[in-house]
């Protein structure tokens, strides 16, 4: 048993061994790399992903507090 195995319930381990992980950082970066948006002049431009710090700054500016962050 590895450290990974020790921290998850047995049913979850069985599921992960059979189905694998679903969405991780690499998949997120790949998905965002394919996204575009239209700017004010109507041109399609790539979407720039927010960093964790940028998201925290936006939440703080709008006085949003998250539980279990």
PDB file of N, CA and C in Angstrom:
ATOM      1  N   UNK A   1       0.853  -1.184   0.000  1.00  0.00           N
ATOM      2  CA  UNK A   1       0.000   0.000   0.000  1.00  0.00           C
ATOM      3  C   UNK A   1       0.893   1.240   0.000  1.00  0.00           C
ATOM      4  N   UNK A   2       0.595   2.186  -0.885  1.00  0.00           N
ATOM      5  CA  UNK A   2       1.374   3.424  -0.966  1.00  0.00           C
ATOM      6  C   UNK A   2       0.741   4.501  -0.094  1.00  0.00           C
ATOM      7  N   UNK A   3       1.427   5.634   0.040  1.00  0.00           N
ATOM      8  CA  UNK A   3       0.866   6.764   0.783  1.00  0.00           C
ATOM      9  C   UNK A   3      -0.421   7.242   0.134  1.00  0.00           C
ATOM     10  N   UNK A   4      -0.460   7.200  -1.205  1.00  0.00           N
ATOM     11  CA  UNK A   4      -1.669   7.599  -1.934  1.00  0.00           C
ATOM     12  C   UNK A   4      -2.838   6.719  -1.525  1.00  0.00           C
ATOM     13  N   UNK A   5      -2.605   5.400  -1.488  1.00  0.00           N
ATOM     14  CA  UNK A   5      -3.660   4.456  -1.129  1.00  0.00           C
ATOM     15  C   UNK A   5      -4.163   4.669   0.285  1.00  0.00           C
ATOM     16  N   UNK A   6      -3.262   5.035   1.186  1.00  0.00           N
ATOM     17  CA  UNK A   6      -3.619   5.153   2.592  1.00  0.00           C
ATOM     18  C   UNK A   6      -4.569   6.316   2.866  1.00  0.00           C
ATOM     19  N   UNK A   7      -4.600   7.312   1.993  1.00  0.00           N
ATOM     20  CA  UNK A   7      -5.408   8.492   2.296  1.00  0.00           C
ATOM     21  C   UNK A   7      -6.791   8.491   1.640  1.00  0.00           C
ATOM     22  N   UNK A   8      -7.137   7.444   0.890  1.00  0.00           N
ATOM     23  CA  UNK A   8      -8.418   7.384   0.213  1.00  0.00           C
ATOM     24  C   UNK A   8      -9.173   6.112   0.581  1.00  0.00           C
ATOM     25  N   UNK A   9     -10.520   6.191   0.620  1.00  0.00           N
ATOM     26  CA  UNK A   9     -11.316   4.995   0.908  1.00  0.00           C
ATOM     27  C   UNK A   9     -11.113   3.930  -0.179  1.00  0.00           C
ATOM     28  N   UNK A  10     -11.254   2.692   0.201  1.00  0.00           N
ATOM     29  CA  UNK A  10     -11.028   1.570  -0.717  1.00  0.00           C
ATOM     30  C   UNK A  10     -11.910   1.663  -1.965  1.00  0.00           C
ATOM     31  N   UNK A  11     -13.175   2.034  -1.804  1.00  0.00           N
ATOM     32  CA  UNK A  11     -14.077   2.127  -2.955  1.00  0.00           C
ATOM     33  C   UNK A  11     -13.584   3.174  -3.953  1.00  0.00           C
ATOM     34  N   UNK A  12     -13.031   4.265  -3.446  1.00  0.00           N
ATOM     35  CA  UNK A  12     -12.517   5.297  -4.334  1.00  0.00           C
ATOM     36  C   UNK A  12     -11.276   4.800  -5.074  1.00  0.00           C
ATOM     37  N   UNK A  13     -10.426   4.055  -4.396  1.00  0.00           N
ATOM     38  CA  UNK A  13      -9.229   3.508  -5.033  1.00  0.00           C
ATOM     39  C   UNK A  13      -9.592   2.549  -6.158  1.00  0.00           C
ATOM     40  N   UNK A  14     -10.579   1.713  -5.915  1.00  0.00           N
ATOM     41  CA  UNK A  14     -11.033   0.776  -6.944  1.00  0.00           C
ATOM     42  C   UNK A  14     -11.551   1.551  -8.153  1.00  0.00           C
ATOM     43  N   UNK A  15     -12.358   2.567  -7.890  1.00  0.00           N
ATOM     44  CA  UNK A  15     -12.902   3.402  -8.962  1.00  0.00           C
ATOM     45  C   UNK A  15     -11.776   4.059  -9.760  1.00  0.00           C
ATOM     46  N   UNK A  16     -10.801   4.657  -9.060  1.00  0.00           N
ATOM     47  CA  UNK A  16      -9.698   5.352  -9.726  1.00  0.00           C
ATOM     48  C   UNK A  16      -8.837   4.378 -10.531  1.00  0.00           C
ATOM     49  N   UNK A  17      -8.617   3.179 -10.013  1.00  0.00           N
ATOM     50  CA  UNK A  17      -7.826   2.198 -10.756  1.00  0.00           C
ATOM     51  C   UNK A  17      -8.538   1.790 -12.042  1.00  0.00           C
ATOM     52  N   UNK A  18      -9.859   1.722 -11.986  1.00  0.00           N
ATOM     53  CA  UNK A  18     -10.631   1.299 -13.152  1.00  0.00           C
ATOM     54  C   UNK A  18     -10.843   2.445 -14.140  1.00  0.00           C
ATOM     55  N   UNK A  19     -11.184   3.634 -13.647  1.00  0.00           N
ATOM     56  CA  UNK A  19     -11.575   4.753 -14.505  1.00  0.00           C
ATOM     57  C   UNK A  19     -10.501   5.828 -14.662  1.00  0.00           C
ATOM     58  N   UNK A  20      -9.559   5.878 -13.760  1.00  0.00           N
ATOM     59  CA  UNK A  20      -8.517   6.902 -13.825  1.00  0.00           C
ATOM     60  C   UNK A  20      -9.008   8.257 -13.355  1.00  0.00           C
ATOM     61  N   UNK A  21      -8.094   9.213 -13.270  1.00  0.00           N
ATOM     62  CA  UNK A  21      -8.491  10.565 -12.850  1.00  0.00           C
ATOM     63  C   UNK A  21      -9.301  11.248 -13.950  1.00  0.00           C
ATOM     64  N   UNK A  22     -10.108  12.197 -13.575  1.00  0.00           N
ATOM     65  CA  UNK A  22     -10.982  12.839 -14.542  1.00  0.00           C
ATOM     66  C   UNK A  22     -10.438  14.184 -15.010  1.00  0.00           C
ATOM     67  N   UNK A  23     -10.223  15.092 -14.129  1.00  0.00           N
ATOM     68  CA  UNK A  23      -9.834  16.445 -14.526  1.00  0.00           C
ATOM     69  C   UNK A  23      -8.717  16.906 -13.617  1.00  0.00           C
ATOM     70  N   UNK A  24      -7.575  17.186 -14.204  1.00  0.00           N
ATOM     71  CA  UNK A  24      -6.439  17.624 -13.415  1.00  0.00           C
ATOM     72  C   UNK A  24      -5.885  18.916 -14.015  1.00  0.00           C
ATOM     73  N   UNK A  25      -4.799  19.396 -13.462  1.00  0.00           N
ATOM     74  CA  UNK A  25      -4.215  20.665 -13.902  1.00  0.00           C
ATOM     75  C   UNK A  25      -3.835  20.612 -15.391  1.00  0.00           C
ATOM     76  N   UNK A  26      -3.213  19.530 -15.824  1.00  0.00           N
ATOM     77  CA  UNK A  26      -2.813  19.434 -17.229  1.00  0.00           C
ATOM     78  C   UNK A  26      -4.016  19.471 -18.164  1.00  0.00           C
ATOM     79  N   UNK A  27      -5.076  18.753 -17.803  1.00  0.00           N
ATOM     80  CA  UNK A  27      -6.274  18.774 -18.632  1.00  0.00           C
ATOM     81  C   UNK A  27      -6.920  20.156 -18.635  1.00  0.00           C
ATOM     82  N   UNK A  28      -6.887  20.825 -17.497  1.00  0.00           N
ATOM     83  CA  UNK A  28      -7.432  22.186 -17.408  1.00  0.00           C
ATOM     84  C   UNK A  28      -6.644  23.124 -18.314  1.00  0.00           C
ATOM     85  N   UNK A  29      -5.319  23.063 -18.239  1.00  0.00           N
ATOM     86  CA  UNK A  29      -4.479  23.932 -19.070  1.00  0.00           C
ATOM     87  C   UNK A  29      -4.708  23.654 -20.554  1.00  0.00           C
ATOM     88  N   UNK A  30      -4.861  22.383 -20.910  1.00  0.00           N
ATOM     89  CA  UNK A  30      -5.128  22.029 -22.301  1.00  0.00           C
ATOM     90  C   UNK A  30      -6.475  22.606 -22.755  1.00  0.00           C
ATOM     91  N   UNK A  31      -7.509  22.431 -21.932  1.00  0.00           N
ATOM     92  CA  UNK A  31      -8.837  22.925 -22.293  1.00  0.00           C
ATOM     93  C   UNK A  31      -8.821  24.438 -22.471  1.00  0.00           C
ATOM     94  N   UNK A  32      -8.193  25.143 -21.540  1.00  0.00           N
ATOM     95  CA  UNK A  32      -8.146  26.605 -21.621  1.00  0.00           C
ATOM     96  C   UNK A  32      -7.337  27.053 -22.834  1.00  0.00           C
ATOM     97  N   UNK A  33      -6.306  26.292 -23.198  1.00  0.00           N
ATOM     98  CA  UNK A  33      -5.482  26.681 -24.354  1.00  0.00           C
ATOM     99  C   UNK A  33      -6.284  26.675 -25.651  1.00  0.00           C
ATOM    100  N   UNK A  34      -7.389  25.948 -25.690  1.00  0.00           N
ATOM    101  CA  UNK A  34      -8.237  25.893 -26.879  1.00  0.00           C
ATOM    102  C   UNK A  34      -9.355  26.933 -26.871  1.00  0.00           C
ATOM    103  N   UNK A  35      -9.514  27.643 -25.760  1.00  0.00           N
ATOM    104  CA  UNK A  35     -10.616  28.598 -25.623  1.00  0.00           C
ATOM    105  C   UNK A  35     -10.243  29.962 -26.201  1.00  0.00           C
ATOM    106  N   UNK A  36     -11.248  30.611 -26.794  1.00  0.00           N
ATOM    107  CA  UNK A  36     -11.074  31.972 -27.286  1.00  0.00           C
ATOM    108  C   UNK A  36     -12.272  32.800 -26.844  1.00  0.00           C
ATOM    109  N   UNK A  37     -12.102  34.104 -26.954  1.00  0.00           N
ATOM    110  CA  UNK A  37     -13.205  35.029 -26.684  1.00  0.00           C
ATOM    111  C   UNK A  37     -13.103  36.153 -27.705  1.00  0.00           C
ATOM    112  N   UNK A  38     -14.151  36.918 -27.832  1.00  0.00           N
ATOM    113  CA  UNK A  38     -14.134  38.053 -28.755  1.00  0.00           C
ATOM    114  C   UNK A  38     -13.830  39.321 -27.962  1.00  0.00           C
ATOM    115  N   UNK A  39     -12.877  40.102 -28.469  1.00  0.00           N
ATOM    116  CA  UNK A  39     -12.562  41.359 -27.806  1.00  0.00           C
ATOM    117  C   UNK A  39     -13.527  42.438 -28.293  1.00  0.00           C
ATOM    118  N   UNK A  40     -13.324  43.672 -27.853  1.00  0.00           N
ATOM    119  CA  UNK A  40     -14.260  44.753 -28.167  1.00  0.00           C
ATOM    120  C   UNK A  40     -14.350  45.050 -29.657  1.00  0.00           C
ATOM    121  N   UNK A  41     -13.318  44.711 -30.421  1.00  0.00           N
ATOM    122  CA  UNK A  41     -13.371  44.946 -31.875  1.00  0.00           C
ATOM    123  C   UNK A  41     -13.894  43.730 -32.638  1.00  0.00           C
ATOM    124  N   UNK A  42     -14.277  42.675 -31.920  1.00  0.00           N
ATOM    125  CA  UNK A  42     -14.859  41.505 -32.551  1.00  0.00           C
ATOM    126  C   UNK A  42     -13.866  40.435 -32.966  1.00  0.00           C
ATOM    127  N   UNK A  43     -12.589  40.646 -32.678  1.00  0.00           N
ATOM    128  CA  UNK A  43     -11.570  39.653 -33.019  1.00  0.00           C
ATOM    129  C   UNK A  43     -11.534  38.555 -31.962  1.00  0.00           C
ATOM    130  N   UNK A  44     -11.275  37.322 -32.400  1.00  0.00           N
ATOM    131  CA  UNK A  44     -11.113  36.219 -31.457  1.00  0.00           C
ATOM    132  C   UNK A  44      -9.710  36.255 -30.891  1.00  0.00           C
ATOM    133  N   UNK A  45      -9.617  36.213 -29.577  1.00  0.00           N
ATOM    134  CA  UNK A  45      -8.320  36.217 -28.901  1.00  0.00           C
ATOM    135  C   UNK A  45      -8.298  35.064 -27.903  1.00  0.00           C
ATOM    136  N   UNK A  46      -7.124  34.516 -27.600  1.00  0.00           N
ATOM    137  CA  UNK A  46      -7.043  33.420 -26.627  1.00  0.00           C
ATOM    138  C   UNK A  46      -7.485  33.880 -25.230  1.00  0.00           C
ATOM    139  N   UNK A  47      -8.078  32.972 -24.487  1.00  0.00           N
ATOM    140  CA  UNK A  47      -8.459  33.244 -23.104  1.00  0.00           C
ATOM    141  C   UNK A  47      -7.209  33.124 -22.238  1.00  0.00           C
ATOM    142  N   UNK A  48      -7.002  34.096 -21.358  1.00  0.00           N
ATOM    143  CA  UNK A  48      -5.877  34.044 -20.433  1.00  0.00           C
ATOM    144  C   UNK A  48      -6.379  33.481 -19.103  1.00  0.00           C
ATOM    145  N   UNK A  49      -5.847  32.364 -18.666  1.00  0.00           N
ATOM    146  CA  UNK A  49      -6.309  31.805 -17.385  1.00  0.00           C
ATOM    147  C   UNK A  49      -5.847  32.671 -16.212  1.00  0.00           C
ATOM    148  N   UNK A  50      -6.679  32.738 -15.178  1.00  0.00           N
ATOM    149  CA  UNK A  50      -6.329  33.468 -13.966  1.00  0.00           C
ATOM    150  C   UNK A  50      -5.406  32.620 -13.104  1.00  0.00           C
ATOM    151  N   UNK A  51      -4.504  33.277 -12.405  1.00  0.00           N
ATOM    152  CA  UNK A  51      -3.687  32.590 -11.409  1.00  0.00           C
ATOM    153  C   UNK A  51      -4.483  32.519 -10.109  1.00  0.00           C
ATOM    154  N   UNK A  52      -4.034  31.701  -9.200  1.00  0.00           N
ATOM    155  CA  UNK A  52      -4.683  31.595  -7.898  1.00  0.00           C
ATOM    156  C   UNK A  52      -4.684  32.945  -7.192  1.00  0.00           C
ATOM    157  N   UNK A  53      -3.571  33.657  -7.296  1.00  0.00           N
ATOM    158  CA  UNK A  53      -3.461  34.968  -6.652  1.00  0.00           C
ATOM    159  C   UNK A  53      -4.443  35.973  -7.249  1.00  0.00           C
ATOM    160  N   UNK A  54      -4.621  35.932  -8.575  1.00  0.00           N
ATOM    161  CA  UNK A  54      -5.574  36.835  -9.218  1.00  0.00           C
ATOM    162  C   UNK A  54      -6.997  36.544  -8.762  1.00  0.00           C
ATOM    163  N   UNK A  55      -7.339  35.281  -8.665  1.00  0.00           N
ATOM    164  CA  UNK A  55      -8.681  34.901  -8.209  1.00  0.00           C
ATOM    165  C   UNK A  55      -8.901  35.366  -6.776  1.00  0.00           C
ATOM    166  N   UNK A  56      -7.909  35.137  -5.915  1.00  0.00           N
ATOM    167  CA  UNK A  56      -8.034  35.576  -4.518  1.00  0.00           C
ATOM    168  C   UNK A  56      -8.189  37.085  -4.432  1.00  0.00           C
ATOM    169  N   UNK A  57      -7.474  37.831  -5.259  1.00  0.00           N
ATOM    170  CA  UNK A  57      -7.580  39.286  -5.280  1.00  0.00           C
ATOM    171  C   UNK A  57      -8.967  39.739  -5.707  1.00  0.00           C
ATOM    172  N   UNK A  58      -9.522  39.109  -6.732  1.00  0.00           N
ATOM    173  CA  UNK A  58     -10.865  39.446  -7.205  1.00  0.00           C
ATOM    174  C   UNK A  58     -11.902  39.144  -6.125  1.00  0.00           C
ATOM    175  N   UNK A  59     -11.781  37.978  -5.495  1.00  0.00           N
ATOM    176  CA  UNK A  59     -12.721  37.624  -4.428  1.00  0.00           C
ATOM    177  C   UNK A  59     -12.646  38.614  -3.277  1.00  0.00           C
ATOM    178  N   UNK A  60     -11.429  38.982  -2.905  1.00  0.00           N
ATOM    179  CA  UNK A  60     -11.247  39.935  -1.806  1.00  0.00           C
ATOM    180  C   UNK A  60     -11.814  41.302  -2.172  1.00  0.00           C
ATOM    181  N   UNK A  61     -11.626  41.751  -3.401  1.00  0.00           N
ATOM    182  CA  UNK A  61     -12.132  43.050  -3.850  1.00  0.00           C
ATOM    183  C   UNK A  61     -13.653  43.104  -3.792  1.00  0.00           C
ATOM    184  N   UNK A  62     -14.302  41.944  -3.967  1.00  0.00           N
ATOM    185  CA  UNK A  62     -15.773  41.895  -3.945  1.00  0.00           C
ATOM    186  C   UNK A  62     -16.304  41.342  -2.628  1.00  0.00           C
ATOM    187  N   UNK A  63     -15.415  41.239  -1.643  1.00  0.00           N
ATOM    188  CA  UNK A  63     -15.768  40.804  -0.284  1.00  0.00           C
ATOM    189  C   UNK A  63     -16.447  39.430  -0.300  1.00  0.00           C
ATOM    190  N   UNK A  64     -15.913  38.512  -1.086  1.00  0.00           N
ATOM    191  CA  UNK A  64     -16.419  37.138  -1.143  1.00  0.00           C
ATOM    192  C   UNK A  64     -15.515  36.262  -0.289  1.00  0.00           C
ATOM    193  N   UNK A  65     -16.104  35.536   0.639  1.00  0.00           N
ATOM    194  CA  UNK A  65     -15.347  34.640   1.500  1.00  0.00           C
ATOM    195  C   UNK A  65     -15.777  33.208   1.215  1.00  0.00           C
ATOM    196  N   UNK A  66     -14.804  32.324   0.976  1.00  0.00           N
ATOM    197  CA  UNK A  66     -15.093  30.930   0.685  1.00  0.00           C
ATOM    198  C   UNK A  66     -14.798  30.066   1.887  1.00  0.00           C
ATOM    199  N   UNK A  67     -15.670  29.101   2.135  1.00  0.00           N
ATOM    200  CA  UNK A  67     -15.408  28.095   3.155  1.00  0.00           C
ATOM    201  C   UNK A  67     -14.738  26.917   2.464  1.00  0.00           C
ATOM    202  N   UNK A  68     -13.887  26.204   3.170  1.00  0.00           N
ATOM    203  CA  UNK A  68     -13.171  25.046   2.617  1.00  0.00           C
ATOM    204  C   UNK A  68     -12.384  25.435   1.357  1.00  0.00           C
ATOM    205  N   UNK A  69     -11.710  26.570   1.440  1.00  0.00           N
ATOM    206  CA  UNK A  69     -10.957  27.063   0.295  1.00  0.00           C
ATOM    207  C   UNK A  69      -9.763  26.167   0.041  1.00  0.00           C
TER     208      UNK A  69
END
